[in-house]
PDB file of N, CA and C in Angstrom:
ATOM      1  N   MET A   1       0.536  -1.547   0.200  1.00  0.00           N
ATOM      2  CA  MET A   1       0.264  -0.220   0.225  1.00  0.00           C
ATOM      3  C   MET A   1       0.253   1.207  -0.008  1.00  0.00           C
ATOM      4  N   GLY A   2       0.906   2.088  -0.499  1.00  0.00           N
ATOM      5  CA  GLY A   2       1.492   3.651  -0.923  1.00  0.00           C
ATOM      6  C   GLY A   2       1.307   4.296  -0.342  1.00  0.00           C
ATOM      7  N   GLU A   3       2.181   4.639   0.284  1.00  0.00           N
ATOM      8  CA  GLU A   3       1.670   6.254   1.119  1.00  0.00           C
ATOM      9  C   GLU A   3       2.025   7.835   0.713  1.00  0.00           C
ATOM     10  N   THR A   4       2.006   9.064   1.037  1.00  0.00           N
ATOM     11  CA  THR A   4       2.116  10.157   0.934  1.00  0.00           C
ATOM     12  C   THR A   4       2.250  11.250   1.877  1.00  0.00           C
ATOM     13  N   ALA A   5       1.495  12.133   1.446  1.00  0.00           N
ATOM     14  CA  ALA A   5       1.713  12.981   2.446  1.00  0.00           C
ATOM     15  C   ALA A   5       0.387  12.291   3.836  1.00  0.00           C
ATOM     16  N   ALA A   6       0.988  12.475   5.154  1.00  0.00           N
ATOM     17  CA  ALA A   6      -0.103  11.893   6.157  1.00  0.00           C
ATOM     18  C   ALA A   6      -1.009  13.079   6.519  1.00  0.00           C
ATOM     19  N   VAL A   7      -2.274  13.085   6.881  1.00  0.00           N
ATOM     20  CA  VAL A   7      -2.781  14.171   7.703  1.00  0.00           C
ATOM     21  C   VAL A   7      -3.324  13.858   8.480  1.00  0.00           C
ATOM     22  N   VAL A   8      -3.412  14.119   9.256  1.00  0.00           N
ATOM     23  CA  VAL A   8      -3.686  14.444  10.736  1.00  0.00           C
ATOM     24  C   VAL A   8      -5.087  14.685  10.920  1.00  0.00           C
ATOM     25  N   ARG A   9      -5.942  13.903  11.566  1.00  0.00           N
ATOM     26  CA  ARG A   9      -7.796  14.023  12.092  1.00  0.00           C
ATOM     27  C   ARG A   9      -8.034  13.652  13.414  1.00  0.00           C
ATOM     28  N   ARG A  10      -8.715  14.324  14.055  1.00  0.00           N
ATOM     29  CA  ARG A  10      -8.929  13.786  15.384  1.00  0.00           C
ATOM     30  C   ARG A  10     -10.649  12.981  15.512  1.00  0.00           C
ATOM     31  N   LEU A  11     -11.141  12.414  16.088  1.00  0.00           N
ATOM     32  CA  LEU A  11     -12.350  11.655  16.193  1.00  0.00           C
ATOM     33  C   LEU A  11     -13.027  12.626  17.328  1.00  0.00           C
ATOM     34  N   ASP A  12     -14.562  12.727  16.522  1.00  0.00           N
ATOM     35  CA  ASP A  12     -15.272  13.746  16.778  1.00  0.00           C
ATOM     36  C   ASP A  12     -16.250  13.270  17.698  1.00  0.00           C
ATOM     37  N   GLY A  13     -16.826  13.145  18.855  1.00  0.00           N
ATOM     38  CA  GLY A  13     -17.546  12.700  20.020  1.00  0.00           C
ATOM     39  C   GLY A  13     -18.357  11.682  19.703  1.00  0.00           C
ATOM     40  N   LEU A  14     -18.765  11.283  18.411  1.00  0.00           N
ATOM     41  CA  LEU A  14     -19.204   9.988  17.913  1.00  0.00           C
ATOM     42  C   LEU A  14     -18.896   8.733  17.013  1.00  0.00           C
ATOM     43  N   GLY A  15     -17.517  10.006  16.758  1.00  0.00           N
ATOM     44  CA  GLY A  15     -16.606   8.593  16.051  1.00  0.00           C
ATOM     45  C   GLY A  15     -16.562   8.654  15.258  1.00  0.00           C
ATOM     46  N   ARG A  16     -16.308   9.971  14.721  1.00  0.00           N
ATOM     47  CA  ARG A  16     -16.477  10.543  12.860  1.00  0.00           C
ATOM     48  C   ARG A  16     -15.301  10.583  12.503  1.00  0.00           C
ATOM     49  N   LEU A  17     -14.620  11.265  11.424  1.00  0.00           N
ATOM     50  CA  LEU A  17     -13.467  11.767  10.813  1.00  0.00           C
ATOM     51  C   LEU A  17     -14.384  12.352  10.174  1.00  0.00           C
ATOM     52  N   VAL A  18     -13.490  13.513   9.411  1.00  0.00           N
ATOM     53  CA  VAL A  18     -13.526  14.434   8.399  1.00  0.00           C
ATOM     54  C   VAL A  18     -12.636  14.951   7.279  1.00  0.00           C
ATOM     55  N   LEU A  19     -13.369  13.795   6.402  1.00  0.00           N
ATOM     56  CA  LEU A  19     -12.039  13.281   5.331  1.00  0.00           C
ATOM     57  C   LEU A  19     -11.724  15.129   4.549  1.00  0.00           C
ATOM     58  N   PRO A  20     -10.655  14.907   4.169  1.00  0.00           N
ATOM     59  CA  PRO A  20     -10.207  16.160   3.124  1.00  0.00           C
ATOM     60  C   PRO A  20     -10.436  16.223   2.119  1.00  0.00           C
ATOM     61  N   SER A  21     -11.348  17.605   1.293  1.00  0.00           N
ATOM     62  CA  SER A  21     -12.077  17.230   0.023  1.00  0.00           C
ATOM     63  C   SER A  21     -11.131  17.104  -1.580  1.00  0.00           C
ATOM     64  N   GLU A  22      -9.389  17.717  -0.714  1.00  0.00           N
ATOM     65  CA  GLU A  22      -8.780  16.955  -1.803  1.00  0.00           C
ATOM     66  C   GLU A  22      -8.578  15.694  -1.760  1.00  0.00           C
ATOM     67  N   LEU A  23      -8.406  15.106  -0.980  1.00  0.00           N
ATOM     68  CA  LEU A  23      -7.947  13.600  -0.876  1.00  0.00           C
ATOM     69  C   LEU A  23      -9.719  12.700  -1.443  1.00  0.00           C
ATOM     70  N   LEU A  24     -10.792  13.478  -1.374  1.00  0.00           N
ATOM     71  CA  LEU A  24     -11.739  12.630  -1.932  1.00  0.00           C
ATOM     72  C   LEU A  24     -12.099  12.850  -3.593  1.00  0.00           C
ATOM     73  N   ARG A  25     -11.546  14.236  -3.590  1.00  0.00           N
ATOM     74  CA  ARG A  25     -11.790  14.301  -4.914  1.00  0.00           C
ATOM     75  C   ARG A  25     -10.583  13.611  -5.918  1.00  0.00           C
ATOM     76  N   THR A  26      -9.501  13.482  -5.354  1.00  0.00           N
ATOM     77  CA  THR A  26      -8.308  12.244  -6.429  1.00  0.00           C
ATOM     78  C   THR A  26      -8.764  11.070  -5.999  1.00  0.00           C
ATOM     79  N   MET A  27      -9.405  10.703  -5.039  1.00  0.00           N
ATOM     80  CA  MET A  27      -9.874   9.107  -4.978  1.00  0.00           C
ATOM     81  C   MET A  27     -11.581   9.163  -5.892  1.00  0.00           C
ATOM     82  N   ASP A  28     -11.892  10.369  -6.423  1.00  0.00           N
ATOM     83  CA  ASP A  28     -13.320   9.873  -7.106  1.00  0.00           C
ATOM     84  C   ASP A  28     -14.447   9.558  -6.547  1.00  0.00           C
ATOM     85  N   VAL A  29     -14.197  10.005  -4.828  1.00  0.00           N
ATOM     86  CA  VAL A  29     -15.528   9.779  -3.911  1.00  0.00           C
ATOM     87  C   VAL A  29     -16.627  11.002  -3.800  1.00  0.00           C
ATOM     88  N   ARG A  30     -17.271  10.369  -4.299  1.00  0.00           N
ATOM     89  CA  ARG A  30     -19.198  11.316  -4.010  1.00  0.00           C
ATOM     90  C   ARG A  30     -19.824  10.712  -2.657  1.00  0.00           C
ATOM     91  N   PRO A  31     -20.803  12.131  -2.629  1.00  0.00           N
ATOM     92  CA  PRO A  31     -21.393  11.799  -1.486  1.00  0.00           C
ATOM     93  C   PRO A  31     -22.514  10.372  -1.440  1.00  0.00           C
ATOM     94  N   GLY A  32     -22.387   9.639  -1.124  1.00  0.00           N
ATOM     95  CA  GLY A  32     -23.042   8.298  -0.698  1.00  0.00           C
ATOM     96  C   GLY A  32     -22.218   7.261  -1.523  1.00  0.00           C
ATOM     97  N   ASP A  33     -21.225   7.273  -2.281  1.00  0.00           N
ATOM     98  CA  ASP A  33     -20.157   5.798  -2.538  1.00  0.00           C
ATOM     99  C   ASP A  33     -20.117   5.175  -1.278  1.00  0.00           C
ATOM    100  N   PRO A  34     -20.496   3.989  -1.604  1.00  0.00           N
ATOM    101  CA  PRO A  34     -19.362   3.066   0.106  1.00  0.00           C
ATOM    102  C   PRO A  34     -18.682   2.848   0.181  1.00  0.00           C
ATOM    103  N   PHE A  35     -18.359   2.450   1.826  1.00  0.00           N
ATOM    104  CA  PHE A  35     -16.532   2.075   1.671  1.00  0.00           C
ATOM    105  C   PHE A  35     -16.995   0.697   3.092  1.00  0.00           C
ATOM    106  N   GLU A  36     -15.814  -0.117   2.346  1.00  0.00           N
ATOM    107  CA  GLU A  36     -15.420  -0.574   3.924  1.00  0.00           C
ATOM    108  C   GLU A  36     -14.414  -0.430   5.369  1.00  0.00           C
ATOM    109  N   LEU A  37     -14.450  -0.684   5.877  1.00  0.00           N
ATOM    110  CA  LEU A  37     -13.729  -1.101   6.936  1.00  0.00           C
ATOM    111  C   LEU A  37     -13.149  -2.435   7.275  1.00  0.00           C
ATOM    112  N   PHE A  38     -11.582  -2.048   7.572  1.00  0.00           N
ATOM    113  CA  PHE A  38     -11.402  -3.651   8.055  1.00  0.00           C
ATOM    114  C   PHE A  38     -10.028  -3.552   8.753  1.00  0.00           C
ATOM    115  N   VAL A  39      -9.591  -4.139   9.663  1.00  0.00           N
ATOM    116  CA  VAL A  39      -8.441  -4.689  11.087  1.00  0.00           C
ATOM    117  C   VAL A  39      -7.687  -4.783   9.680  1.00  0.00           C
ATOM    118  N   ASP A  40      -6.146  -4.840   9.729  1.00  0.00           N
ATOM    119  CA  ASP A  40      -5.229  -5.277   9.035  1.00  0.00           C
ATOM    120  C   ASP A  40      -3.960  -5.117   9.839  1.00  0.00           C
ATOM    121  N   GLN A  41      -3.918  -6.371  11.140  1.00  0.00           N
ATOM    122  CA  GLN A  41      -2.873  -6.203  11.714  1.00  0.00           C
ATOM    123  C   GLN A  41      -3.140  -5.129  12.867  1.00  0.00           C
ATOM    124  N   ASP A  42      -2.355  -3.648  12.740  1.00  0.00           N
ATOM    125  CA  ASP A  42      -2.635  -2.970  13.419  1.00  0.00           C
ATOM    126  C   ASP A  42      -2.985  -1.866  13.133  1.00  0.00           C
ATOM    127  N   GLN A  43      -3.504  -1.825  11.579  1.00  0.00           N
ATOM    128  CA  GLN A  43      -3.750  -0.712  11.329  1.00  0.00           C
ATOM    129  C   GLN A  43      -5.504  -0.493  11.316  1.00  0.00           C
ATOM    130  N   ILE A  44      -6.544   0.003  11.114  1.00  0.00           N
ATOM    131  CA  ILE A  44      -8.351   0.412  10.658  1.00  0.00           C
ATOM    132  C   ILE A  44      -7.581   1.032   8.993  1.00  0.00           C
ATOM    133  N   VAL A  45      -8.262   0.281   8.008  1.00  0.00           N
ATOM    134  CA  VAL A  45      -8.201   0.254   6.554  1.00  0.00           C
ATOM    135  C   VAL A  45      -9.087   0.757   6.020  1.00  0.00           C
ATOM    136  N   LEU A  46      -9.826   2.009   5.759  1.00  0.00           N
ATOM    137  CA  LEU A  46     -10.846   2.595   4.928  1.00  0.00           C
ATOM    138  C   LEU A  46     -10.284   2.303   3.309  1.00  0.00           C
ATOM    139  N   ARG A  47     -11.202   1.805   2.582  1.00  0.00           N
ATOM    140  CA  ARG A  47     -11.130   1.404   1.201  1.00  0.00           C
ATOM    141  C   ARG A  47     -12.453   1.922   0.116  1.00  0.00           C
ATOM    142  N   LYS A  48     -12.729   2.480  -0.630  1.00  0.00           N
ATOM    143  CA  LYS A  48     -13.753   2.827  -1.180  1.00  0.00           C
ATOM    144  C   LYS A  48     -14.601   1.675  -1.731  1.00  0.00           C
ATOM    145  N   TYR A  49     -15.847   0.869  -1.214  1.00  0.00           N
ATOM    146  CA  TYR A  49     -16.181  -0.490  -1.804  1.00  0.00           C
ATOM    147  C   TYR A  49     -15.789  -0.470  -3.188  1.00  0.00           C
ATOM    148  N   GLN A  50     -15.673  -1.808  -3.723  1.00  0.00           N
ATOM    149  CA  GLN A  50     -16.275  -2.529  -5.198  1.00  0.00           C
ATOM    150  C   GLN A  50     -16.309  -4.064  -5.097  1.00  0.00           C
ATOM    151  N   PRO A  51     -17.001  -3.801  -5.325  1.00  0.00           N
ATOM    152  CA  PRO A  51     -17.746  -5.697  -5.049  1.00  0.00           C
ATOM    153  C   PRO A  51     -16.936  -6.540  -6.275  1.00  0.00           C
ATOM    154  N   GLY A  52     -16.588  -7.630  -5.639  1.00  0.00           N
ATOM    155  CA  GLY A  52     -15.981  -9.086  -6.291  1.00  0.00           C
ATOM    156  C   GLY A  52     -16.905  -9.758  -6.601  1.00  0.00           C
ATOM    157  N   CYS A  53     -15.862 -11.385  -7.114  1.00  0.00           N
ATOM    158  CA  CYS A  53     -17.004 -11.828  -7.936  1.00  0.00           C
ATOM    159  C   CYS A  53     -17.829 -12.744  -6.874  1.00  0.00           C
ATOM    160  N   ILE A  54     -19.220 -12.613  -7.090  1.00  0.00           N
ATOM    161  CA  ILE A  54     -20.026 -13.724  -6.654  1.00  0.00           C
ATOM    162  C   ILE A  54     -19.788 -14.894  -5.543  1.00  0.00           C
ATOM    163  N   PHE A  55     -18.334 -15.327  -6.339  1.00  0.00           N
ATOM    164  CA  PHE A  55     -17.851 -17.042  -6.042  1.00  0.00           C
ATOM    165  C   PHE A  55     -16.603 -16.796  -5.518  1.00  0.00           C
ATOM    166  N   CYS A  56     -15.872 -16.269  -5.830  1.00  0.00           N
ATOM    167  CA  CYS A  56     -14.188 -16.222  -5.385  1.00  0.00           C
ATOM    168  C   CYS A  56     -13.898 -15.317  -4.482  1.00  0.00           C
ATOM    169  N   GLY A  57     -14.787 -13.538  -4.845  1.00  0.00           N
ATOM    170  CA  GLY A  57     -13.884 -12.538  -3.994  1.00  0.00           C
ATOM    171  C   GLY A  57     -12.995 -11.538  -5.085  1.00  0.00           C
ATOM    172  N   ARG A  58     -12.603 -12.578  -6.002  1.00  0.00           N
ATOM    173  CA  ARG A  58     -11.682 -11.674  -6.392  1.00  0.00           C
ATOM    174  C   ARG A  58     -12.368 -10.342  -7.144  1.00  0.00           C
ATOM    175  N   ARG A  59     -11.641  -9.563  -7.630  1.00  0.00           N
ATOM    176  CA  ARG A  59     -12.031  -8.555  -7.741  1.00  0.00           C
ATOM    177  C   ARG A  59     -11.560  -7.604  -9.426  1.00  0.00           C
ATOM    178  N   GLY A  60     -10.823  -8.418 -10.129  1.00  0.00           N
ATOM    179  CA  GLY A  60      -9.838  -7.921 -10.907  1.00  0.00           C
ATOM    180  C   GLY A  60     -10.842  -9.034 -12.332  1.00  0.00           C
ATOM    181  N   ASP A  61     -10.812  -8.404 -13.372  1.00  0.00           N
ATOM    182  CA  ASP A  61     -11.679  -9.076 -14.717  1.00  0.00           C
ATOM    183  C   ASP A  61     -12.912  -9.782 -14.695  1.00  0.00           C
ATOM    184  N   LEU A  62     -13.982  -8.501 -13.745  1.00  0.00           N
ATOM    185  CA  LEU A  62     -15.150  -8.619 -14.025  1.00  0.00           C
ATOM    186  C   LEU A  62     -16.208  -9.175 -15.209  1.00  0.00           C
ATOM    187  N   ILE A  63     -17.359  -9.568 -14.945  1.00  0.00           N
ATOM    188  CA  ILE A  63     -18.190  -9.412 -15.929  1.00  0.00           C
ATOM    189  C   ILE A  63     -19.867  -9.442 -15.375  1.00  0.00           C
ATOM    190  N   SER A  64     -20.231  -8.472 -15.596  1.00  0.00           N
ATOM    191  CA  SER A  64     -21.060  -8.198 -15.151  1.00  0.00           C
ATOM    192  C   SER A  64     -22.638  -9.391 -16.023  1.00  0.00           C
ATOM    193  N   PHE A  65     -23.356  -9.929 -14.918  1.00  0.00           N
ATOM    194  CA  PHE A  65     -24.090 -11.055 -15.510  1.00  0.00           C
ATOM    195  C   PHE A  65     -25.376 -11.130 -14.567  1.00  0.00           C
ATOM    196  N   GLN A  66     -26.268 -10.377 -15.255  1.00  0.00           N
ATOM    197  CA  GLN A  66     -27.666 -10.441 -14.564  1.00  0.00           C
ATOM    198  C   GLN A  66     -27.652  -9.430 -13.237  1.00  0.00           C
ATOM    199  N   ASN A  67     -26.833  -8.914 -13.625  1.00  0.00           N
ATOM    200  CA  ASN A  67     -26.599  -7.456 -12.169  1.00  0.00           C
ATOM    201  C   ASN A  67     -26.002  -8.494 -10.720  1.00  0.00           C
ATOM    202  N   LYS A  68     -25.178  -8.691 -11.302  1.00  0.00           N
ATOM    203  CA  LYS A  68     -23.946  -9.767 -10.504  1.00  0.00           C
ATOM    204  C   LYS A  68     -22.209  -9.723 -11.059  1.00  0.00           C
ATOM    205  N   ARG A  69     -21.337  -9.761 -10.757  1.00  0.00           N
ATOM    206  CA  ARG A  69     -20.818  -9.388 -11.294  1.00  0.00           C
ATOM    207  C   ARG A  69     -19.406 -10.950 -10.707  1.00  0.00           C
ATOM    208  N   VAL A  70     -19.061 -11.460 -12.188  1.00  0.00           N
ATOM    209  CA  VAL A  70     -18.859 -12.633 -11.826  1.00  0.00           C
ATOM    210  C   VAL A  70     -17.042 -12.882 -12.308  1.00  0.00           C
ATOM    211  N   CYS A  71     -15.899 -12.752 -12.176  1.00  0.00           N
ATOM    212  CA  CYS A  71     -15.111 -13.598 -12.780  1.00  0.00           C
ATOM    213  C   CYS A  71     -15.041 -14.001 -13.832  1.00  0.00           C
ATOM    214  N   ARG A  72     -13.557 -14.286 -14.592  1.00  0.00           N
ATOM    215  CA  ARG A  72     -13.824 -14.669 -15.633  1.00  0.00           C
ATOM    216  C   ARG A  72     -13.333 -16.193 -15.452  1.00  0.00           C
ATOM    217  N   GLU A  73     -12.775 -16.334 -14.369  1.00  0.00           N
ATOM    218  CA  GLU A  73     -12.341 -17.604 -14.401  1.00  0.00           C
ATOM    219  C   GLU A  73     -13.407 -18.490 -13.641  1.00  0.00           C
ATOM    220  N   CYS A  74     -14.057 -17.791 -12.888  1.00  0.00           N
ATOM    221  CA  CYS A  74     -15.154 -18.466 -12.285  1.00  0.00           C
ATOM    222  C   CYS A  74     -16.521 -18.986 -13.234  1.00  0.00           C
ATOM    223  N   LEU A  75     -16.186 -18.033 -14.296  1.00  0.00           N
ATOM    224  CA  LEU A  75     -17.535 -17.968 -15.632  1.00  0.00           C
ATOM    225  C   LEU A  75     -17.123 -18.813 -16.321  1.00  0.00           C
ATOM    226  N   ALA A  76     -15.759 -19.209 -16.444  1.00  0.00           N
ATOM    227  CA  ALA A  76     -15.519 -20.535 -17.298  1.00  0.00           C
ATOM    228  C   ALA A  76     -15.459 -21.640 -16.372  1.00  0.00           C
ATOM    229  N   ALA A  77     -15.645 -21.952 -15.318  1.00  0.00           N
ATOM    230  CA  ALA A  77     -15.568 -22.681 -14.427  1.00  0.00           C
ATOM    231  C   ALA A  77     -17.099 -23.269 -14.441  1.00  0.00           C
ATOM    232  N   LEU A  78     -17.692 -22.753 -14.402  1.00  0.00           N
ATOM    233  CA  LEU A  78     -19.491 -22.883 -14.521  1.00  0.00           C
ATOM    234  C   LEU A  78     -20.192 -23.082 -15.868  1.00  0.00           C
ATOM    235  N   ALA A  79     -19.427 -22.586 -16.723  1.00  0.00           N
ATOM    236  CA  ALA A  79     -19.580 -23.106 -18.172  1.00  0.00           C
ATOM    237  C   ALA A  79     -19.337 -24.809 -18.799  1.00  0.00           C
ATOM    238  N   ALA A  80     -18.132 -24.889 -17.784  1.00  0.00           N
ATOM    239  CA  ALA A  80     -17.336 -26.108 -17.943  1.00  0.00           C
ATOM    240  C   ALA A  80     -18.241 -27.418 -16.999  1.00  0.00           C
ATOM    241  N   ALA A  81     -19.183 -27.217 -15.999  1.00  0.00           N
ATOM    242  CA  ALA A  81     -19.865 -27.613 -15.586  1.00  0.00           C
ATOM    243  C   ALA A  81     -21.089 -27.916 -15.948  1.00  0.00           C
ATOM    244  N   THR A  82     -21.626 -26.685 -16.684  1.00  0.00           N
ATOM    245  CA  THR A  82     -23.061 -26.936 -17.617  1.00  0.00           C
ATOM    246  C   THR A  82     -23.010 -28.155 -18.718  1.00  0.00           C
TER     247      THR A  82
END
């Protein structure tokens, strides 16, 4: 994970952080965009949510089929099984 300039923010009383608008523009984030939060060792990771393959979770090389995202590898496995 590449790191650039650090920005320090404090949590408010409700546990919220305000993200700098320049960061949001850089990451093409708009109001209402979904995010996922998870813990990776000693870090809290926040990233823009991008659904993966419904079968294996892979995020690359996806095809939309009946409003579901499927990777080409799983699609090939499904085709071979039928």
